[in-house]
């Protein structure tokens, strides 16, 4: 009985610590109106007359000149353009963009929705099992870009574009 009690306390402690750490990771947020859609995974949010460029964390949508690039951009636009969203972020990237998770007015996670629709890859350095699972399901169902025989990852497309004369 004592060991069961100790195990329960240990589980509660682990849960409490992980929730605290999780809240620290995404403790910063921006709530504002989406005023611009650059592409499927980059938007601009206006909050109190200040613009914030947001890069959706953990995913990578096709580039504009790539197959499904404009489809991903339209999908993002349809979900959030002109609407007030909440962006949870941890840090900024080397270009000064906020790396974040965008929550729609209806409570949907835009990052997840793009993966579910087959309009994004899990970013190659991201290790989230949730994102991996969402991408894998879209692949199995051959949704969006996964209906192509050989879709090209955006990081490979960008590298190929830079190598052209």
Foldseek 3Di string as FASTA:
>chain_A
DVVVVVVVVVVVVVVVVVVVVVCLQQVDKDKFAFAAQPWLFWTWGDDPNDIAIEGEAQKAFADCPFALGVVSSVVNCVQGHGFIWMWGFRDADPVRHTHTFIAGPVGDTSLLVCLQQVGIAGPPPDDDPSSVVSNVVCLVVCGGQSVDPDGDHRVRVVVVVVPDD
